[in-house]
N, C-alpha and C. Protein backbone atom coordinates (compact mmCIF):
# COMPACT_ATOMS: atom_id res chain seq x y z
N MET A 1 -21.29 -9.93 18.11
CA MET A 1 -21.23 -9.81 16.69
C MET A 1 -19.84 -9.38 16.29
N PHE A 2 -19.35 -9.86 15.17
CA PHE A 2 -18.12 -9.32 14.67
C PHE A 2 -18.05 -9.40 13.12
N TYR A 3 -17.31 -8.59 12.57
CA TYR A 3 -17.12 -8.44 11.13
C TYR A 3 -15.73 -8.91 10.74
N ILE A 4 -15.73 -9.66 9.66
CA ILE A 4 -14.46 -10.02 9.07
C ILE A 4 -14.40 -9.39 7.69
N VAL A 5 -13.41 -8.60 7.47
CA VAL A 5 -13.41 -7.80 6.19
C VAL A 5 -12.05 -8.02 5.50
N ALA A 6 -12.08 -8.19 4.21
CA ALA A 6 -10.89 -8.29 3.36
C ALA A 6 -10.91 -7.12 2.42
N GLY A 7 -9.77 -6.46 2.30
CA GLY A 7 -9.67 -5.22 1.33
C GLY A 7 -8.46 -5.54 0.47
N ASP A 8 -8.58 -5.02 -0.75
CA ASP A 8 -7.55 -5.14 -1.76
C ASP A 8 -7.44 -3.88 -2.56
N VAL A 9 -6.23 -3.49 -2.87
CA VAL A 9 -5.96 -2.33 -3.66
C VAL A 9 -6.19 -2.65 -5.16
N LYS A 10 -7.08 -1.96 -5.90
CA LYS A 10 -7.26 -2.17 -7.35
C LYS A 10 -6.01 -1.82 -8.12
N GLY A 11 -5.40 -2.72 -8.76
CA GLY A 11 -4.31 -2.46 -9.63
C GLY A 11 -3.18 -1.82 -8.99
N LEU A 12 -2.67 -2.35 -7.81
CA LEU A 12 -1.66 -1.64 -6.98
C LEU A 12 -0.47 -1.21 -7.79
N TYR A 13 0.20 -2.14 -8.55
CA TYR A 13 1.47 -1.81 -9.20
C TYR A 13 1.33 -0.75 -10.20
N PRO A 14 0.36 -0.91 -11.18
CA PRO A 14 0.28 0.03 -12.19
C PRO A 14 -0.37 1.37 -11.70
N SER A 15 -0.94 1.31 -10.51
CA SER A 15 -1.54 2.52 -9.96
C SER A 15 -0.60 3.31 -9.02
N LEU A 16 0.53 2.77 -8.62
CA LEU A 16 1.42 3.44 -7.73
C LEU A 16 2.13 4.51 -8.43
N CYS A 17 2.03 5.76 -8.01
CA CYS A 17 2.79 6.91 -8.57
C CYS A 17 4.26 6.77 -7.99
N ARG A 18 5.16 7.33 -8.73
CA ARG A 18 6.53 7.35 -8.25
C ARG A 18 6.78 8.00 -6.90
N ASP A 19 6.05 9.06 -6.58
CA ASP A 19 6.13 9.73 -5.31
C ASP A 19 5.64 8.79 -4.25
N THR A 20 4.66 7.96 -4.46
CA THR A 20 4.12 7.11 -3.51
C THR A 20 5.12 5.99 -3.19
N VAL A 21 6.09 5.79 -4.03
CA VAL A 21 7.11 4.83 -3.78
C VAL A 21 8.38 5.47 -3.26
N THR A 22 8.74 6.64 -3.73
CA THR A 22 9.98 7.32 -3.34
C THR A 22 9.85 7.80 -1.91
N ASN A 23 8.75 8.47 -1.51
CA ASN A 23 8.62 9.00 -0.13
C ASN A 23 8.74 7.95 0.92
N PRO A 24 8.16 6.71 0.79
CA PRO A 24 8.35 5.73 1.72
C PRO A 24 9.82 5.19 1.84
N LEU A 25 10.46 5.18 0.70
CA LEU A 25 11.81 4.72 0.66
C LEU A 25 12.69 5.76 1.46
N GLU A 26 12.49 7.00 1.20
CA GLU A 26 13.23 8.09 1.91
C GLU A 26 12.93 7.95 3.48
N CYS A 27 11.72 7.75 3.82
CA CYS A 27 11.27 7.63 5.19
C CYS A 27 11.98 6.42 5.86
N ALA A 28 11.90 5.25 5.16
CA ALA A 28 12.47 4.06 5.73
C ALA A 28 14.01 4.16 5.88
N LEU A 29 14.70 4.77 4.97
CA LEU A 29 16.12 4.91 5.08
C LEU A 29 16.42 5.85 6.27
N GLU A 30 15.66 6.96 6.40
CA GLU A 30 15.89 7.92 7.46
C GLU A 30 15.66 7.21 8.86
N LYS A 31 14.62 6.52 8.95
CA LYS A 31 14.24 5.96 10.33
C LYS A 31 14.90 4.66 10.65
N HIS A 32 15.19 3.82 9.63
CA HIS A 32 15.57 2.53 9.93
C HIS A 32 16.97 2.04 9.31
N SER A 33 17.81 3.05 8.98
CA SER A 33 19.08 2.61 8.47
C SER A 33 20.18 3.41 9.17
N ASN A 34 21.39 2.94 8.99
CA ASN A 34 22.56 3.68 9.53
C ASN A 34 23.29 4.51 8.41
N PHE A 35 22.64 4.53 7.30
CA PHE A 35 23.25 5.34 6.19
C PHE A 35 23.19 6.83 6.49
N ASN A 36 24.27 7.53 6.10
CA ASN A 36 24.22 9.02 6.25
C ASN A 36 23.33 9.65 5.21
N THR A 37 23.05 10.86 5.34
CA THR A 37 22.04 11.60 4.46
C THR A 37 22.48 11.46 3.01
N ASN A 38 23.76 11.63 2.73
CA ASN A 38 24.29 11.56 1.38
C ASN A 38 24.00 10.13 0.78
N ALA A 39 24.35 9.11 1.52
CA ALA A 39 24.09 7.69 1.07
C ALA A 39 22.59 7.43 0.84
N GLN A 40 21.81 7.99 1.72
CA GLN A 40 20.24 7.87 1.63
C GLN A 40 19.83 8.45 0.28
N LYS A 41 20.34 9.63 -0.07
CA LYS A 41 19.99 10.35 -1.33
C LYS A 41 20.41 9.47 -2.56
N ILE A 42 21.60 8.92 -2.48
CA ILE A 42 22.14 8.09 -3.53
C ILE A 42 21.30 6.86 -3.74
N ILE A 43 20.88 6.16 -2.68
CA ILE A 43 20.03 5.08 -2.80
C ILE A 43 18.63 5.36 -3.42
N VAL A 44 18.07 6.48 -3.00
CA VAL A 44 16.77 6.95 -3.55
C VAL A 44 17.02 7.26 -5.02
N LYS A 45 18.05 7.97 -5.34
CA LYS A 45 18.33 8.30 -6.80
C LYS A 45 18.53 7.03 -7.63
N LEU A 46 19.30 6.02 -7.07
CA LEU A 46 19.47 4.78 -7.80
C LEU A 46 18.13 4.08 -8.04
N ASN A 47 17.27 4.16 -7.01
CA ASN A 47 15.93 3.55 -7.18
C ASN A 47 15.14 4.25 -8.32
N GLU A 48 15.22 5.55 -8.37
CA GLU A 48 14.58 6.35 -9.43
C GLU A 48 15.10 5.92 -10.78
N ILE A 49 16.42 5.77 -10.87
CA ILE A 49 17.00 5.38 -12.17
C ILE A 49 16.51 4.02 -12.61
N CYS A 50 16.43 3.11 -11.57
CA CYS A 50 15.86 1.74 -11.94
C CYS A 50 14.43 1.83 -12.39
N LEU A 51 13.61 2.58 -11.69
CA LEU A 51 12.20 2.72 -12.03
C LEU A 51 12.07 3.33 -13.44
N ASN A 52 12.91 4.37 -13.76
CA ASN A 52 12.83 4.98 -15.02
C ASN A 52 13.37 4.15 -16.20
N ASN A 53 14.06 3.08 -15.95
CA ASN A 53 14.66 2.36 -17.05
C ASN A 53 14.20 0.92 -17.06
N VAL A 54 13.10 0.55 -16.44
CA VAL A 54 12.58 -0.76 -16.54
C VAL A 54 11.90 -0.94 -17.89
N VAL A 55 12.27 -1.97 -18.58
CA VAL A 55 11.67 -2.28 -19.93
C VAL A 55 11.12 -3.71 -19.83
N THR A 56 9.85 -3.92 -20.18
CA THR A 56 9.26 -5.28 -20.16
C THR A 56 8.92 -5.60 -21.60
N LEU A 57 8.87 -6.92 -21.78
CA LEU A 57 8.47 -7.48 -23.09
C LEU A 57 7.10 -8.03 -22.93
N TYR A 58 6.19 -7.57 -23.73
CA TYR A 58 4.82 -8.17 -23.73
C TYR A 58 4.43 -8.51 -25.19
N GLY A 59 4.23 -9.82 -25.43
CA GLY A 59 4.14 -10.22 -26.82
C GLY A 59 5.48 -10.00 -27.52
N ASP A 60 5.44 -9.21 -28.59
CA ASP A 60 6.65 -8.94 -29.32
C ASP A 60 7.07 -7.51 -29.21
N GLN A 61 6.48 -6.74 -28.25
CA GLN A 61 6.70 -5.32 -27.99
C GLN A 61 7.32 -5.02 -26.70
N LEU A 62 8.24 -4.06 -26.67
CA LEU A 62 8.86 -3.57 -25.44
C LEU A 62 8.01 -2.41 -24.87
N HIS A 63 7.84 -2.36 -23.54
CA HIS A 63 7.11 -1.36 -22.91
C HIS A 63 7.80 -0.72 -21.72
N THR A 64 7.60 0.51 -21.42
CA THR A 64 8.14 1.14 -20.24
C THR A 64 6.95 1.81 -19.53
N LYS A 65 7.24 2.19 -18.27
CA LYS A 65 6.21 2.90 -17.47
C LYS A 65 6.91 4.21 -17.03
N ASN A 66 6.35 5.27 -17.41
CA ASN A 66 6.91 6.58 -17.11
C ASN A 66 6.57 7.17 -15.77
N HIS A 67 5.42 6.82 -15.26
CA HIS A 67 4.96 7.48 -14.00
C HIS A 67 4.53 6.43 -12.86
N ARG A 68 4.52 5.18 -13.23
CA ARG A 68 4.01 4.16 -12.33
C ARG A 68 5.10 3.07 -12.22
N ILE A 69 4.84 1.99 -11.42
CA ILE A 69 5.86 0.89 -11.40
C ILE A 69 5.34 -0.35 -12.12
N VAL A 70 6.28 -1.21 -12.53
CA VAL A 70 5.90 -2.35 -13.35
C VAL A 70 5.65 -3.55 -12.44
N THR A 71 4.49 -4.20 -12.73
CA THR A 71 4.17 -5.47 -12.02
C THR A 71 5.22 -6.49 -12.44
N GLY A 72 5.74 -7.14 -11.40
CA GLY A 72 6.64 -8.31 -11.69
C GLY A 72 8.04 -7.94 -11.82
N ASP A 73 8.45 -6.66 -11.79
CA ASP A 73 9.78 -6.33 -11.79
C ASP A 73 10.48 -6.74 -10.57
N ASN A 74 11.80 -6.92 -10.57
CA ASN A 74 12.52 -7.52 -9.43
C ASN A 74 12.27 -6.77 -8.07
N HIS A 75 12.21 -5.47 -8.13
CA HIS A 75 12.04 -4.77 -6.81
C HIS A 75 10.58 -4.18 -6.64
N SER A 76 9.69 -4.48 -7.51
CA SER A 76 8.30 -3.99 -7.39
C SER A 76 7.68 -4.35 -6.10
N VAL A 77 7.77 -5.62 -5.70
CA VAL A 77 7.09 -6.15 -4.56
C VAL A 77 7.58 -5.38 -3.27
N SER A 78 8.91 -5.16 -3.09
CA SER A 78 9.40 -4.53 -1.88
C SER A 78 8.95 -3.07 -1.92
N LEU A 79 8.97 -2.41 -3.08
CA LEU A 79 8.54 -1.02 -3.25
C LEU A 79 7.02 -0.85 -2.84
N ALA A 80 6.26 -1.76 -3.36
CA ALA A 80 4.78 -1.69 -3.12
C ALA A 80 4.51 -2.00 -1.75
N ASN A 81 5.23 -2.88 -1.10
CA ASN A 81 5.05 -3.21 0.31
C ASN A 81 5.37 -2.01 1.24
N SER A 82 6.52 -1.39 0.84
CA SER A 82 6.90 -0.12 1.67
C SER A 82 5.89 0.98 1.43
N ALA A 83 5.41 1.13 0.29
CA ALA A 83 4.44 2.16 0.01
C ALA A 83 3.16 1.95 0.82
N ALA A 84 2.65 0.65 0.83
CA ALA A 84 1.39 0.38 1.56
C ALA A 84 1.65 0.62 3.13
N HIS A 85 2.79 0.18 3.56
CA HIS A 85 3.12 0.45 4.97
C HIS A 85 3.12 1.96 5.34
N TYR A 86 3.69 2.72 4.50
CA TYR A 86 3.87 4.18 4.65
C TYR A 86 2.46 4.81 4.59
N ILE A 87 1.61 4.35 3.71
CA ILE A 87 0.25 4.89 3.56
C ILE A 87 -0.56 4.60 4.87
N LEU A 88 -0.32 3.46 5.49
CA LEU A 88 -1.08 3.12 6.71
C LEU A 88 -0.64 3.81 7.96
N GLN A 89 0.54 4.34 8.04
CA GLN A 89 1.11 4.95 9.25
C GLN A 89 0.24 6.06 9.83
N PRO A 90 -0.31 6.96 9.09
CA PRO A 90 -1.14 7.97 9.72
C PRO A 90 -2.45 7.53 10.33
N ILE A 91 -2.87 6.33 9.97
CA ILE A 91 -4.17 5.88 10.54
C ILE A 91 -3.98 4.62 11.41
N ALA A 92 -2.77 4.44 11.95
CA ALA A 92 -2.49 3.29 12.74
C ALA A 92 -3.37 3.19 13.98
N GLY A 93 -3.76 4.34 14.61
CA GLY A 93 -4.52 4.42 15.73
C GLY A 93 -5.97 3.85 15.45
N VAL A 94 -6.53 4.29 14.33
CA VAL A 94 -7.87 3.76 13.85
C VAL A 94 -7.76 2.33 13.65
N LEU A 95 -6.75 1.82 12.98
CA LEU A 95 -6.62 0.38 12.71
C LEU A 95 -6.59 -0.46 14.01
N ARG A 96 -6.14 0.15 15.12
CA ARG A 96 -6.16 -0.61 16.37
C ARG A 96 -7.55 -0.72 17.00
N GLU A 97 -8.48 -0.06 16.39
CA GLU A 97 -9.88 -0.27 16.81
C GLU A 97 -10.41 -1.69 16.56
N GLY A 98 -9.77 -2.29 15.60
CA GLY A 98 -10.17 -3.70 15.26
C GLY A 98 -9.55 -4.64 16.25
N ALA A 99 -10.22 -5.85 16.32
CA ALA A 99 -9.70 -6.88 17.19
C ALA A 99 -8.43 -7.46 16.61
N ARG A 100 -8.35 -7.33 15.25
CA ARG A 100 -7.13 -7.88 14.58
C ARG A 100 -7.03 -7.18 13.23
N PHE A 101 -5.90 -6.76 12.87
CA PHE A 101 -5.57 -6.14 11.57
C PHE A 101 -4.26 -6.75 10.98
N CYS A 102 -4.36 -7.31 9.75
CA CYS A 102 -3.23 -7.83 9.09
C CYS A 102 -3.17 -7.29 7.69
N ARG A 103 -1.91 -7.30 7.16
CA ARG A 103 -1.73 -6.88 5.80
C ARG A 103 -0.56 -7.64 5.20
N PHE A 104 -0.64 -7.97 3.97
CA PHE A 104 0.42 -8.58 3.14
C PHE A 104 0.41 -7.82 1.82
N ILE A 105 1.37 -6.92 1.65
CA ILE A 105 1.46 -6.00 0.54
C ILE A 105 0.11 -5.24 0.41
N ASP A 106 -0.73 -5.52 -0.61
CA ASP A 106 -1.97 -4.77 -0.73
C ASP A 106 -3.20 -5.62 -0.29
N ASP A 107 -2.97 -6.78 0.29
CA ASP A 107 -4.15 -7.61 0.79
C ASP A 107 -4.27 -7.32 2.26
N ILE A 108 -5.46 -6.86 2.65
CA ILE A 108 -5.75 -6.39 3.98
C ILE A 108 -6.85 -7.23 4.54
N ILE A 109 -6.75 -7.65 5.83
CA ILE A 109 -7.89 -8.25 6.48
C ILE A 109 -7.98 -7.74 7.90
N TRP A 110 -9.25 -7.56 8.37
CA TRP A 110 -9.35 -7.12 9.77
C TRP A 110 -10.58 -7.76 10.35
N ILE A 111 -10.64 -7.85 11.66
CA ILE A 111 -11.81 -8.31 12.41
C ILE A 111 -12.21 -7.16 13.30
N ALA A 112 -13.46 -6.74 13.23
CA ALA A 112 -14.00 -5.66 14.07
C ALA A 112 -15.11 -6.29 14.96
N THR A 113 -15.26 -5.72 16.12
CA THR A 113 -16.27 -6.25 17.04
C THR A 113 -17.51 -5.36 17.14
N SER A 114 -17.58 -4.33 16.32
CA SER A 114 -18.71 -3.50 16.30
C SER A 114 -18.88 -2.83 14.89
N LYS A 115 -20.07 -2.44 14.64
CA LYS A 115 -20.35 -1.87 13.32
C LYS A 115 -19.55 -0.49 13.19
N LEU A 116 -19.58 0.19 14.32
CA LEU A 116 -18.84 1.49 14.30
C LEU A 116 -17.35 1.39 14.07
N SER A 117 -16.68 0.44 14.80
CA SER A 117 -15.28 0.26 14.53
C SER A 117 -15.02 -0.25 13.15
N ASN A 118 -15.81 -1.14 12.61
CA ASN A 118 -15.65 -1.59 11.30
C ASN A 118 -15.76 -0.43 10.28
N GLU A 119 -16.78 0.38 10.45
CA GLU A 119 -16.94 1.55 9.52
C GLU A 119 -15.74 2.59 9.69
N ASN A 120 -15.33 2.80 10.93
CA ASN A 120 -14.20 3.73 11.10
C ASN A 120 -12.95 3.18 10.37
N ILE A 121 -12.71 1.90 10.47
CA ILE A 121 -11.52 1.33 9.73
C ILE A 121 -11.73 1.41 8.25
N ARG A 122 -12.83 1.07 7.74
CA ARG A 122 -13.10 1.09 6.33
C ARG A 122 -12.95 2.50 5.77
N GLN A 123 -13.53 3.51 6.45
CA GLN A 123 -13.44 4.84 5.95
C GLN A 123 -12.06 5.41 6.02
N ALA A 124 -11.29 5.07 7.07
CA ALA A 124 -9.95 5.57 7.19
C ALA A 124 -9.03 4.96 6.09
N LEU A 125 -9.19 3.69 5.87
CA LEU A 125 -8.41 3.02 4.81
C LEU A 125 -8.75 3.58 3.38
N SER A 126 -10.04 3.74 3.12
CA SER A 126 -10.45 4.25 1.87
C SER A 126 -9.89 5.67 1.65
N SER A 127 -9.99 6.47 2.62
CA SER A 127 -9.54 7.83 2.54
C SER A 127 -8.01 7.93 2.39
N GLU A 128 -7.26 7.21 3.18
CA GLU A 128 -5.78 7.28 3.16
C GLU A 128 -5.21 6.74 1.87
N PHE A 129 -5.78 5.65 1.35
CA PHE A 129 -5.37 5.11 0.05
C PHE A 129 -5.76 6.12 -1.08
N ALA A 130 -6.95 6.70 -1.03
CA ALA A 130 -7.41 7.66 -1.99
C ALA A 130 -6.41 8.88 -2.11
N ASN A 131 -5.91 9.25 -0.92
CA ASN A 131 -4.92 10.34 -0.89
C ASN A 131 -3.72 10.02 -1.68
N SER A 132 -3.41 8.73 -1.91
CA SER A 132 -2.29 8.35 -2.71
C SER A 132 -2.74 7.90 -4.06
N GLY A 133 -4.02 8.19 -4.48
CA GLY A 133 -4.48 7.83 -5.84
C GLY A 133 -4.81 6.35 -6.00
N LEU A 134 -5.08 5.66 -4.87
CA LEU A 134 -5.33 4.30 -4.93
C LEU A 134 -6.79 3.97 -4.44
N GLU A 135 -7.39 3.04 -5.03
CA GLU A 135 -8.79 2.63 -4.70
C GLU A 135 -8.77 1.20 -4.07
N LEU A 136 -9.55 1.08 -2.97
CA LEU A 136 -9.70 -0.24 -2.33
C LEU A 136 -11.04 -0.86 -2.67
N THR A 137 -11.12 -2.16 -2.71
CA THR A 137 -12.31 -2.96 -2.73
C THR A 137 -12.39 -3.73 -1.50
N PHE A 138 -13.68 -3.92 -0.97
CA PHE A 138 -13.82 -4.72 0.22
C PHE A 138 -14.84 -5.80 0.06
N ARG A 139 -14.61 -6.86 0.82
CA ARG A 139 -15.57 -7.97 0.94
C ARG A 139 -15.74 -8.18 2.42
N LYS A 140 -16.96 -8.38 2.86
CA LYS A 140 -17.24 -8.42 4.37
C LYS A 140 -18.16 -9.57 4.68
N ALA A 141 -17.97 -10.22 5.79
CA ALA A 141 -18.85 -11.20 6.42
C ALA A 141 -19.17 -10.69 7.79
N CYS A 142 -20.33 -10.91 8.22
CA CYS A 142 -20.81 -10.49 9.57
C CYS A 142 -21.47 -11.67 10.25
N THR A 143 -21.29 -11.80 11.61
CA THR A 143 -21.88 -12.92 12.26
C THR A 143 -23.35 -12.72 12.70
N ALA A 144 -23.88 -11.57 12.38
CA ALA A 144 -25.25 -11.26 12.70
C ALA A 144 -26.00 -10.58 11.50
N ASP A 145 -27.29 -10.66 11.49
CA ASP A 145 -28.09 -9.99 10.44
C ASP A 145 -28.03 -8.47 10.74
N GLU A 146 -27.52 -7.76 9.74
CA GLU A 146 -27.27 -6.35 9.91
C GLU A 146 -28.62 -5.54 9.70
N LYS A 147 -29.65 -6.13 9.22
CA LYS A 147 -30.89 -5.50 8.93
C LYS A 147 -31.65 -5.11 10.22
N GLY A 148 -31.44 -5.92 11.30
CA GLY A 148 -32.24 -5.80 12.47
C GLY A 148 -31.68 -5.02 13.40
């Protein structure tokens, strides 16, 4: 028996808090760049300036986001992708319980070969995303009748 499960973050972009975006950027720059500490701080500050000054036109009105990020802005996808990667890091061991785990920004899919490993992954994901103020929805298919 195996489970195929798809998960999705409800309203990822409008739900992402600024800290949930800034912390992953700081971590990525520290671990994966050759920039010195001062340059890293400047990049994070420039990112904050960009986030604080995004203005979108909807209908005939201009809108800004004070505490979240804007869907469709030029850098929203990369920020959301970094945030989702950062959120998953503490539970990487649990995610390896699955036969396969894949993610594209906030779209998640995994295959589990037991009810226990499937539930462990689902609970870990739900908990870790909830810690960042995000909610996941899941759809599941199973190769066997779970009632028996």
